[in-house]
N, C-alpha and C. Protein backbone atom coordinates (compact mmCIF):
# COMPACT_ATOMS: atom_id res chain seq x y z
N MET A 1 0.22 12.79 16.92
CA MET A 1 1.38 11.98 16.66
C MET A 1 2.48 12.34 17.65
N ILE A 2 3.22 11.36 18.03
CA ILE A 2 4.34 11.54 18.95
C ILE A 2 5.56 10.96 18.25
N SER A 3 6.71 11.64 18.37
CA SER A 3 7.91 11.05 17.80
C SER A 3 8.93 10.83 18.90
N ASP A 4 9.66 9.75 18.79
CA ASP A 4 10.69 9.37 19.76
C ASP A 4 11.96 9.06 18.99
N LYS A 5 13.08 9.23 19.66
CA LYS A 5 14.35 8.79 19.10
C LYS A 5 14.65 7.42 19.71
N ILE A 6 14.72 6.41 18.87
CA ILE A 6 15.02 5.05 19.33
C ILE A 6 16.19 4.54 18.51
N ARG A 7 17.28 4.23 19.17
CA ARG A 7 18.49 3.72 18.52
C ARG A 7 18.86 4.56 17.29
N GLY A 8 18.86 5.88 17.45
CA GLY A 8 19.29 6.75 16.37
C GLY A 8 18.25 6.97 15.29
N LYS A 9 17.05 6.44 15.45
CA LYS A 9 15.99 6.59 14.46
C LYS A 9 14.86 7.38 15.06
N THR A 10 14.21 8.16 14.24
CA THR A 10 13.00 8.84 14.69
C THR A 10 11.83 7.93 14.40
N VAL A 11 11.07 7.60 15.42
CA VAL A 11 9.92 6.73 15.28
C VAL A 11 8.67 7.55 15.54
N ILE A 12 7.74 7.52 14.62
CA ILE A 12 6.50 8.28 14.76
C ILE A 12 5.41 7.32 15.20
N HIS A 13 4.75 7.67 16.30
CA HIS A 13 3.65 6.88 16.82
C HIS A 13 2.36 7.60 16.49
N GLN A 14 1.47 6.92 15.81
CA GLN A 14 0.18 7.50 15.50
C GLN A 14 -0.81 7.12 16.58
N PRO A 15 -1.79 7.99 16.79
CA PRO A 15 -2.84 7.59 17.73
C PRO A 15 -3.53 6.34 17.19
N GLU A 16 -4.09 5.58 18.10
CA GLU A 16 -4.78 4.36 17.68
C GLU A 16 -5.91 4.71 16.73
N VAL A 17 -5.89 4.09 15.59
CA VAL A 17 -6.91 4.31 14.57
C VAL A 17 -7.53 2.96 14.27
N GLU A 18 -8.83 2.93 14.29
CA GLU A 18 -9.51 1.68 13.97
C GLU A 18 -9.37 1.41 12.49
N GLN A 19 -8.82 0.26 12.15
CA GLN A 19 -8.63 -0.09 10.75
C GLN A 19 -9.47 -1.29 10.40
N ALA A 20 -9.90 -1.29 9.17
CA ALA A 20 -10.70 -2.41 8.69
C ALA A 20 -9.83 -3.65 8.62
N GLU A 21 -10.44 -4.77 8.86
CA GLU A 21 -9.77 -6.06 8.73
C GLU A 21 -9.48 -6.29 7.25
N LEU A 22 -8.24 -6.60 6.91
CA LEU A 22 -7.89 -6.82 5.51
C LEU A 22 -7.95 -8.31 5.19
N ASP A 23 -8.66 -8.64 4.14
CA ASP A 23 -8.79 -10.02 3.68
C ASP A 23 -7.81 -10.23 2.54
N PRO A 24 -6.84 -11.14 2.69
CA PRO A 24 -5.86 -11.37 1.62
C PRO A 24 -6.50 -11.70 0.27
N GLU A 25 -7.69 -12.26 0.29
CA GLU A 25 -8.37 -12.62 -0.96
C GLU A 25 -8.89 -11.41 -1.72
N THR A 26 -9.21 -10.34 -1.00
CA THR A 26 -9.83 -9.18 -1.65
C THR A 26 -8.95 -7.93 -1.63
N MET A 27 -7.75 -8.03 -1.08
CA MET A 27 -6.85 -6.87 -1.03
C MET A 27 -6.39 -6.50 -2.43
N SER A 28 -6.19 -5.20 -2.63
CA SER A 28 -5.65 -4.73 -3.89
C SER A 28 -4.14 -5.01 -3.92
N PRO A 29 -3.55 -5.03 -5.11
CA PRO A 29 -2.09 -5.20 -5.18
C PRO A 29 -1.34 -4.13 -4.39
N LEU A 30 -1.86 -2.91 -4.39
CA LEU A 30 -1.20 -1.83 -3.65
C LEU A 30 -1.28 -2.08 -2.14
N GLN A 31 -2.41 -2.55 -1.65
CA GLN A 31 -2.53 -2.87 -0.22
C GLN A 31 -1.54 -3.97 0.15
N LYS A 32 -1.48 -5.01 -0.67
CA LYS A 32 -0.54 -6.10 -0.39
C LYS A 32 0.90 -5.60 -0.39
N ALA A 33 1.22 -4.70 -1.33
CA ALA A 33 2.58 -4.18 -1.44
C ALA A 33 2.95 -3.35 -0.23
N VAL A 34 2.02 -2.56 0.30
CA VAL A 34 2.31 -1.76 1.50
C VAL A 34 2.61 -2.68 2.67
N ILE A 35 1.80 -3.69 2.84
CA ILE A 35 2.01 -4.64 3.94
C ILE A 35 3.35 -5.35 3.77
N GLN A 36 3.63 -5.81 2.55
CA GLN A 36 4.92 -6.46 2.29
C GLN A 36 6.07 -5.50 2.56
N GLY A 37 5.91 -4.24 2.17
CA GLY A 37 6.97 -3.25 2.41
C GLY A 37 7.34 -3.16 3.87
N PHE A 38 6.33 -3.13 4.74
CA PHE A 38 6.60 -3.08 6.17
C PHE A 38 7.23 -4.38 6.67
N GLN A 39 6.76 -5.51 6.17
CA GLN A 39 7.34 -6.79 6.56
C GLN A 39 8.81 -6.88 6.13
N TYR A 40 9.09 -6.48 4.91
CA TYR A 40 10.46 -6.54 4.40
C TYR A 40 11.37 -5.56 5.13
N ARG A 41 10.85 -4.36 5.43
CA ARG A 41 11.64 -3.39 6.19
C ARG A 41 11.99 -3.96 7.56
N ASP A 42 11.01 -4.60 8.20
CA ASP A 42 11.25 -5.18 9.52
C ASP A 42 12.31 -6.27 9.45
N MET A 43 12.29 -7.07 8.38
CA MET A 43 13.30 -8.13 8.23
C MET A 43 14.70 -7.53 8.10
N LEU A 44 14.81 -6.43 7.37
CA LEU A 44 16.10 -5.77 7.21
C LEU A 44 16.56 -5.12 8.52
N GLU A 45 15.65 -4.41 9.18
CA GLU A 45 16.02 -3.71 10.41
C GLU A 45 16.32 -4.65 11.57
N SER A 46 15.65 -5.80 11.60
CA SER A 46 15.87 -6.75 12.70
C SER A 46 17.14 -7.57 12.51
N GLY A 47 17.69 -7.54 11.31
CA GLY A 47 18.89 -8.32 11.04
C GLY A 47 18.60 -9.72 10.54
N LYS A 48 17.32 -10.06 10.30
CA LYS A 48 17.00 -11.39 9.75
C LYS A 48 17.65 -11.57 8.39
N VAL A 49 17.78 -10.47 7.66
CA VAL A 49 18.54 -10.44 6.42
C VAL A 49 19.41 -9.19 6.46
N ALA A 50 20.58 -9.27 5.81
CA ALA A 50 21.53 -8.16 5.90
C ALA A 50 21.40 -7.18 4.74
N THR A 51 20.96 -7.67 3.59
CA THR A 51 20.91 -6.83 2.40
C THR A 51 19.62 -7.09 1.63
N VAL A 52 19.33 -6.19 0.70
CA VAL A 52 18.16 -6.38 -0.16
C VAL A 52 18.38 -7.59 -1.06
N SER A 53 19.61 -7.84 -1.47
CA SER A 53 19.90 -9.02 -2.28
C SER A 53 19.59 -10.30 -1.52
N GLU A 54 19.99 -10.34 -0.26
CA GLU A 54 19.69 -11.51 0.59
C GLU A 54 18.18 -11.64 0.79
N LEU A 55 17.51 -10.52 0.99
CA LEU A 55 16.05 -10.52 1.13
C LEU A 55 15.39 -11.05 -0.13
N ALA A 56 15.88 -10.62 -1.29
CA ALA A 56 15.32 -11.07 -2.57
C ALA A 56 15.42 -12.59 -2.70
N GLN A 57 16.54 -13.14 -2.30
CA GLN A 57 16.70 -14.60 -2.35
C GLN A 57 15.75 -15.28 -1.38
N LYS A 58 15.64 -14.73 -0.19
CA LYS A 58 14.82 -15.35 0.85
C LYS A 58 13.33 -15.36 0.48
N VAL A 59 12.83 -14.24 -0.05
CA VAL A 59 11.39 -14.14 -0.35
C VAL A 59 11.08 -14.43 -1.82
N LYS A 60 12.13 -14.76 -2.58
CA LYS A 60 11.97 -15.13 -4.00
C LYS A 60 11.26 -14.04 -4.81
N GLN A 61 11.80 -12.82 -4.68
CA GLN A 61 11.28 -11.67 -5.42
C GLN A 61 12.46 -10.97 -6.10
N GLU A 62 12.15 -10.22 -7.14
CA GLU A 62 13.17 -9.42 -7.82
C GLU A 62 13.53 -8.23 -6.93
N ARG A 63 14.80 -7.83 -6.99
CA ARG A 63 15.24 -6.67 -6.20
C ARG A 63 14.48 -5.41 -6.57
N ALA A 64 14.19 -5.21 -7.85
CA ALA A 64 13.46 -4.01 -8.29
C ALA A 64 12.09 -3.93 -7.61
N PHE A 65 11.42 -5.07 -7.51
CA PHE A 65 10.12 -5.09 -6.83
C PHE A 65 10.29 -4.75 -5.35
N LEU A 66 11.33 -5.30 -4.73
CA LEU A 66 11.56 -5.04 -3.31
C LEU A 66 11.82 -3.56 -3.06
N PHE A 67 12.63 -2.94 -3.92
CA PHE A 67 12.88 -1.51 -3.74
C PHE A 67 11.59 -0.71 -3.89
N ARG A 68 10.74 -1.12 -4.81
CA ARG A 68 9.47 -0.41 -5.02
C ARG A 68 8.57 -0.53 -3.79
N VAL A 69 8.41 -1.75 -3.25
CA VAL A 69 7.53 -1.90 -2.09
C VAL A 69 8.16 -1.31 -0.83
N LEU A 70 9.48 -1.37 -0.72
CA LEU A 70 10.12 -0.76 0.44
C LEU A 70 9.95 0.75 0.44
N SER A 71 9.88 1.36 -0.74
CA SER A 71 9.70 2.81 -0.80
C SER A 71 8.32 3.22 -0.30
N LEU A 72 7.35 2.32 -0.34
CA LEU A 72 5.99 2.64 0.12
C LEU A 72 5.93 2.94 1.61
N VAL A 73 6.85 2.37 2.40
CA VAL A 73 6.79 2.61 3.85
C VAL A 73 7.17 4.05 4.18
N ASN A 74 7.71 4.79 3.21
CA ASN A 74 8.10 6.18 3.45
C ASN A 74 7.01 7.17 3.08
N LEU A 75 5.88 6.68 2.62
CA LEU A 75 4.76 7.57 2.35
C LEU A 75 4.25 8.14 3.66
N ALA A 76 3.57 9.26 3.59
CA ALA A 76 3.00 9.87 4.79
C ALA A 76 2.00 8.90 5.43
N PRO A 77 1.91 8.92 6.74
CA PRO A 77 0.99 8.01 7.43
C PRO A 77 -0.45 8.08 6.95
N ASP A 78 -0.92 9.29 6.61
CA ASP A 78 -2.31 9.39 6.15
C ASP A 78 -2.51 8.76 4.77
N ILE A 79 -1.47 8.79 3.94
CA ILE A 79 -1.56 8.15 2.63
C ILE A 79 -1.56 6.64 2.80
N ILE A 80 -0.69 6.13 3.67
CA ILE A 80 -0.66 4.70 3.95
C ILE A 80 -2.01 4.24 4.51
N GLU A 81 -2.55 5.04 5.42
CA GLU A 81 -3.85 4.70 6.01
C GLU A 81 -4.94 4.65 4.93
N ALA A 82 -4.93 5.63 4.01
CA ALA A 82 -5.92 5.65 2.93
C ALA A 82 -5.78 4.40 2.06
N ILE A 83 -4.56 3.99 1.78
CA ILE A 83 -4.33 2.79 0.97
C ILE A 83 -4.89 1.57 1.69
N LEU A 84 -4.52 1.41 2.96
CA LEU A 84 -4.93 0.22 3.70
C LEU A 84 -6.43 0.17 3.96
N ASN A 85 -7.06 1.33 4.06
CA ASN A 85 -8.50 1.38 4.28
C ASN A 85 -9.29 1.36 2.99
N GLY A 86 -8.60 1.22 1.87
CA GLY A 86 -9.28 1.15 0.57
C GLY A 86 -9.84 2.48 0.11
N LYS A 87 -9.30 3.59 0.64
CA LYS A 87 -9.81 4.91 0.29
C LYS A 87 -8.84 5.71 -0.57
N ALA A 88 -7.81 5.06 -1.06
CA ALA A 88 -6.85 5.75 -1.93
C ALA A 88 -7.47 5.91 -3.31
N PRO A 89 -7.15 7.00 -3.99
CA PRO A 89 -7.68 7.19 -5.34
C PRO A 89 -7.27 6.04 -6.27
N ALA A 90 -8.13 5.72 -7.20
CA ALA A 90 -7.88 4.60 -8.12
C ALA A 90 -6.61 4.81 -8.94
N LYS A 91 -6.25 6.08 -9.19
CA LYS A 91 -5.06 6.32 -10.00
C LYS A 91 -3.76 6.13 -9.23
N LEU A 92 -3.83 5.90 -7.93
CA LEU A 92 -2.65 5.60 -7.13
C LEU A 92 -2.46 4.09 -7.16
N THR A 93 -1.51 3.63 -7.98
CA THR A 93 -1.28 2.20 -8.14
C THR A 93 0.18 1.87 -7.94
N LEU A 94 0.47 0.62 -7.74
CA LEU A 94 1.84 0.16 -7.58
C LEU A 94 2.61 0.28 -8.88
N SER A 95 1.94 0.15 -10.00
CA SER A 95 2.63 0.14 -11.28
C SER A 95 2.90 1.52 -11.86
N LYS A 96 2.51 2.59 -11.15
CA LYS A 96 2.79 3.93 -11.65
C LYS A 96 4.30 4.10 -11.78
N PRO A 97 4.72 4.70 -12.88
CA PRO A 97 6.17 4.92 -13.04
C PRO A 97 6.71 5.84 -11.95
N ARG A 98 7.92 5.61 -11.54
CA ARG A 98 8.51 6.43 -10.49
C ARG A 98 9.16 7.67 -11.08
N LYS A 99 9.23 7.73 -12.40
CA LYS A 99 9.80 8.90 -13.06
C LYS A 99 8.90 10.10 -12.78
N ASN A 100 9.48 11.23 -12.47
CA ASN A 100 8.75 12.45 -12.17
C ASN A 100 7.84 12.31 -10.95
N PHE A 101 8.14 11.38 -10.06
CA PHE A 101 7.37 11.19 -8.83
C PHE A 101 7.70 12.34 -7.90
N PRO A 102 6.70 13.08 -7.42
CA PRO A 102 6.99 14.25 -6.57
C PRO A 102 7.67 13.86 -5.27
N GLU A 103 8.68 14.61 -4.92
CA GLU A 103 9.42 14.35 -3.68
C GLU A 103 8.65 14.87 -2.47
N ASP A 104 7.93 15.98 -2.63
CA ASP A 104 7.24 16.54 -1.48
C ASP A 104 5.80 16.03 -1.42
N LEU A 105 5.30 15.92 -0.21
CA LEU A 105 3.98 15.32 0.01
C LEU A 105 2.84 16.18 -0.50
N ILE A 106 3.02 17.49 -0.53
CA ILE A 106 1.93 18.35 -1.01
C ILE A 106 1.68 18.06 -2.49
N ASN A 107 2.75 18.00 -3.28
CA ASN A 107 2.57 17.71 -4.71
C ASN A 107 2.14 16.26 -4.94
N LEU A 108 2.57 15.35 -4.08
CA LEU A 108 2.13 13.95 -4.19
C LEU A 108 0.63 13.87 -3.95
N ARG A 109 0.16 14.57 -2.94
CA ARG A 109 -1.27 14.57 -2.64
C ARG A 109 -2.06 15.18 -3.80
N LYS A 110 -1.56 16.27 -4.39
CA LYS A 110 -2.23 16.89 -5.53
C LYS A 110 -2.27 15.94 -6.71
N LEU A 111 -1.14 15.29 -7.00
CA LEU A 111 -1.05 14.38 -8.14
C LEU A 111 -2.08 13.26 -8.05
N TYR A 112 -2.27 12.73 -6.85
CA TYR A 112 -3.18 11.59 -6.67
C TYR A 112 -4.53 11.96 -6.08
N GLY A 113 -4.78 13.25 -5.88
CA GLY A 113 -6.09 13.67 -5.39
C GLY A 113 -6.36 13.28 -3.95
N ILE A 114 -5.33 13.28 -3.14
CA ILE A 114 -5.49 12.95 -1.71
C ILE A 114 -5.49 14.25 -0.93
N GLU A 115 -6.55 14.51 -0.23
CA GLU A 115 -6.67 15.77 0.53
C GLU A 115 -6.64 15.50 2.00
């Protein structure tokens, strides 16, 4: 991994990893949410929308849902990769309560059995 500072942000570049083609018809809700999270983050960062409220109106979603999917983009790259490749543990779901959600990645990995 390589990190760069771009416009005041740290951007992490992962080595090219071959990823399976995702079929919208067979994707899990969690896979769809991760993809949406990145799309929504890009809309906010590019200035296409200024706020989450504006984004909610534009994409016709509840703000609570948007905050939940936007938080997924902050997961560790290997966890995101496991989700997108369909290798995430079954107990890792979008509907898991955020209460008592571990802040550190080591405990997150233990909680969901990701090694």
